[in-house]
C-alpha atoms as a PDB file:
ATOM      1  CA  MET A   1     -19.569 -15.979  -1.944  1.00  0.00           C
ATOM      2  CA  ARG A   2     -19.225 -19.720  -1.786  1.00  0.00           C
ATOM      3  CA  GLU A   3     -21.223 -22.811  -2.599  1.00  0.00           C
ATOM      4  CA  MET A   4     -21.958 -25.122   0.307  1.00  0.00           C
ATOM      5  CA  GLN A   5     -24.205 -28.176   0.134  1.00  0.00           C
ATOM      6  CA  GLU A   6     -25.648 -27.099  -3.241  1.00  0.00           C
ATOM      7  CA  GLU A   7     -26.479 -23.639  -1.871  1.00  0.00           C
ATOM      8  CA  VAL A   8     -24.812 -20.365  -2.811  1.00  0.00           C
ATOM      9  CA  ARG A   9     -23.920 -18.495   0.361  1.00  0.00           C
ATOM     10  CA  GLN A  10     -23.432 -14.768   0.227  1.00  0.00           C
ATOM     11  CA  ASN A  11     -22.273 -12.749   3.237  1.00  0.00           C
ATOM     12  CA  TYR A  12     -21.938  -9.018   3.701  1.00  0.00           C
ATOM     13  CA  TYR A  13     -19.268  -7.574   5.986  1.00  0.00           C
ATOM     14  CA  PHE A  14     -19.194  -3.932   7.017  1.00  0.00           C
ATOM     15  CA  PHE A  15     -16.409  -2.114   8.835  1.00  0.00           C
ATOM     16  CA  ALA A  16     -17.146   1.235  10.445  1.00  0.00           C
ATOM     17  CA  ARG A  17     -16.192   3.634  13.186  1.00  0.00           C
ATOM     18  CA  PRO A  18     -19.401   4.767  14.866  1.00  0.00           C
ATOM     19  CA  LYS A  19     -19.520   8.381  16.003  1.00  0.00           C
ATOM     20  CA  GLN A  20     -21.212   7.352  19.245  1.00  0.00           C
ATOM     21  CA  ASN A  21     -21.865   4.231  21.283  1.00  0.00           C
ATOM     22  CA  PHE A  22     -25.184   2.499  20.776  1.00  0.00           C
ATOM     23  CA  ASP A  23     -26.865  -0.699  21.895  1.00  0.00           C
ATOM     24  CA  LEU A  24     -26.497  -3.736  19.670  1.00  0.00           C
ATOM     25  CA  ILE A  25     -29.708  -5.677  19.139  1.00  0.00           C
ATOM     26  CA  SER A  26     -30.127  -8.861  17.096  1.00  0.00           C
ATOM     27  CA  ASN A  27     -32.547 -11.748  16.851  1.00  0.00           C
ATOM     28  CA  GLU A  28     -29.741 -13.998  15.522  1.00  0.00           C
ATOM     29  CA  GLY A  29     -27.536 -14.222  18.598  1.00  0.00           C
ATOM     30  CA  ILE A  30     -25.382 -12.123  20.887  1.00  0.00           C
ATOM     31  CA  LEU A  31     -23.717  -9.057  19.387  1.00  0.00           C
ATOM     32  CA  LYS A  32     -20.590  -7.574  20.898  1.00  0.00           C
ATOM     33  CA  TRP A  33     -17.986  -4.990  19.911  1.00  0.00           C
ATOM     34  CA  PHE A  34     -14.406  -6.246  19.534  1.00  0.00           C
ATOM     35  CA  SER A  35     -11.186  -4.327  19.153  1.00  0.00           C
ATOM     36  CA  MET A  36      -9.086  -5.085  16.081  1.00  0.00           C
ATOM     37  CA  ASN A  37      -6.473  -6.656  18.381  1.00  0.00           C
ATOM     38  CA  GLU A  38      -8.990  -9.256  19.603  1.00  0.00           C
ATOM     39  CA  LEU A  39     -10.130 -10.462  16.185  1.00  0.00           C
ATOM     40  CA  HIS A  40      -7.422 -13.085  15.649  1.00  0.00           C
ATOM     41  CA  GLU A  41      -8.548 -14.868  18.856  1.00  0.00           C
ATOM     42  CA  LEU A  42     -12.177 -15.313  17.785  1.00  0.00           C
ATOM     43  CA  GLU A  43     -13.738 -18.455  16.408  1.00  0.00           C
ATOM     44  CA  MET A  44     -15.412 -17.550  13.122  1.00  0.00           C
ATOM     45  CA  PRO A  45     -16.481 -18.942   9.735  1.00  0.00           C
ATOM     46  CA  TYR A  46     -13.838 -19.836   7.163  1.00  0.00           C
ATOM     47  CA  THR A  47     -14.570 -16.847   4.923  1.00  0.00           C
ATOM     48  CA  ALA A  48     -14.722 -14.308   7.770  1.00  0.00           C
ATOM     49  CA  LYS A  49     -11.043 -14.864   8.628  1.00  0.00           C
ATOM     50  CA  TYR A  50     -10.087 -13.999   5.046  1.00  0.00           C
ATOM     51  CA  VAL A  51     -12.330 -10.931   5.027  1.00  0.00           C
ATOM     52  CA  ILE A  52     -10.748  -9.570   8.208  1.00  0.00           C
ATOM     53  CA  GLU A  53      -7.224 -10.343   6.974  1.00  0.00           C
ATOM     54  CA  HIS A  54      -7.930  -8.547   3.672  1.00  0.00           C
ATOM     55  CA  TYR A  55      -9.436  -5.569   5.482  1.00  0.00           C
ATOM     56  CA  LEU A  56      -6.460  -5.191   7.833  1.00  0.00           C
ATOM     57  CA  LYS A  57      -3.882  -5.496   5.030  1.00  0.00           C
ATOM     58  CA  LYS A  58      -5.608  -3.526   2.272  1.00  0.00           C
ATOM     59  CA  GLY A  59      -9.272  -2.632   2.721  1.00  0.00           C
ATOM     60  CA  LYS A  60      -8.898  -0.153   5.558  1.00  0.00           C
ATOM     61  CA  TYR A  61      -6.572   1.960   3.408  1.00  0.00           C
ATOM     62  CA  THR A  62      -9.023   2.458   0.547  1.00  0.00           C
ATOM     63  CA  GLU A  63     -12.613   3.542  -0.057  1.00  0.00           C
ATOM     64  CA  GLU A  64     -13.194   0.696  -2.534  1.00  0.00           C
ATOM     65  CA  MET A  65     -15.695  -2.098  -1.993  1.00  0.00           C
ATOM     66  CA  TYR A  66     -14.450  -5.614  -2.671  1.00  0.00           C
ATOM     67  CA  VAL A  67     -15.976  -8.884  -3.816  1.00  0.00           C
ATOM     68  CA  GLY A  68     -14.488 -12.118  -2.507  1.00  0.00           C
ATOM     69  CA  VAL A  69     -14.929 -15.595  -3.956  1.00  0.00           C
ATOM     70  CA  ALA A  70     -13.997 -18.664  -1.908  1.00  0.00           C
ATOM     71  CA  ASP A  71     -12.584 -21.764  -3.595  1.00  0.00           C
ATOM     72  CA  GLY A  72     -12.046 -24.014  -0.574  1.00  0.00           C
ATOM     73  CA  ASP A  73      -8.375 -23.112  -0.093  1.00  0.00           C
ATOM     74  CA  LYS A  74      -8.516 -19.323  -0.058  1.00  0.00           C
ATOM     75  CA  VAL A  75     -10.667 -16.300  -0.852  1.00  0.00           C
ATOM     76  CA  GLU A  76      -9.771 -14.098  -3.813  1.00  0.00           C
ATOM     77  CA  PHE A  77     -10.748 -10.414  -3.550  1.00  0.00           C
ATOM     78  CA  ILE A  78     -11.226  -7.954  -6.394  1.00  0.00           C
ATOM     79  CA  PRO A  79     -12.474  -4.380  -6.263  1.00  0.00           C
ATOM     80  CA  PHE A  80     -16.231  -4.271  -6.876  1.00  0.00           C
ATOM     81  CA  PRO A  81     -16.603  -2.739 -10.342  1.00  0.00           C
ATOM     82  CA  ALA A  82     -18.918   0.204 -10.951  1.00  0.00           C
ATOM     83  CA  PHE A  83     -20.226   0.542 -14.484  1.00  0.00           C
END
């Protein structure tokens, strides 16, 4: 989450390994599959770089969901609490 121009922006990122190939369809642009090795070369939003970095270092080794809050310099991640 982050605030930008007096608007709270909330993004959802999902990482998965599909069991089969399927067509990607979107009305918001072109969708394409990328290998993990290609991700560092892509142009992407500020927060997305932090999400991918967190996933590669920690997230892919756990089943936990995380919440990230951006402060302009970094994104802090905490496990999403269930209560």
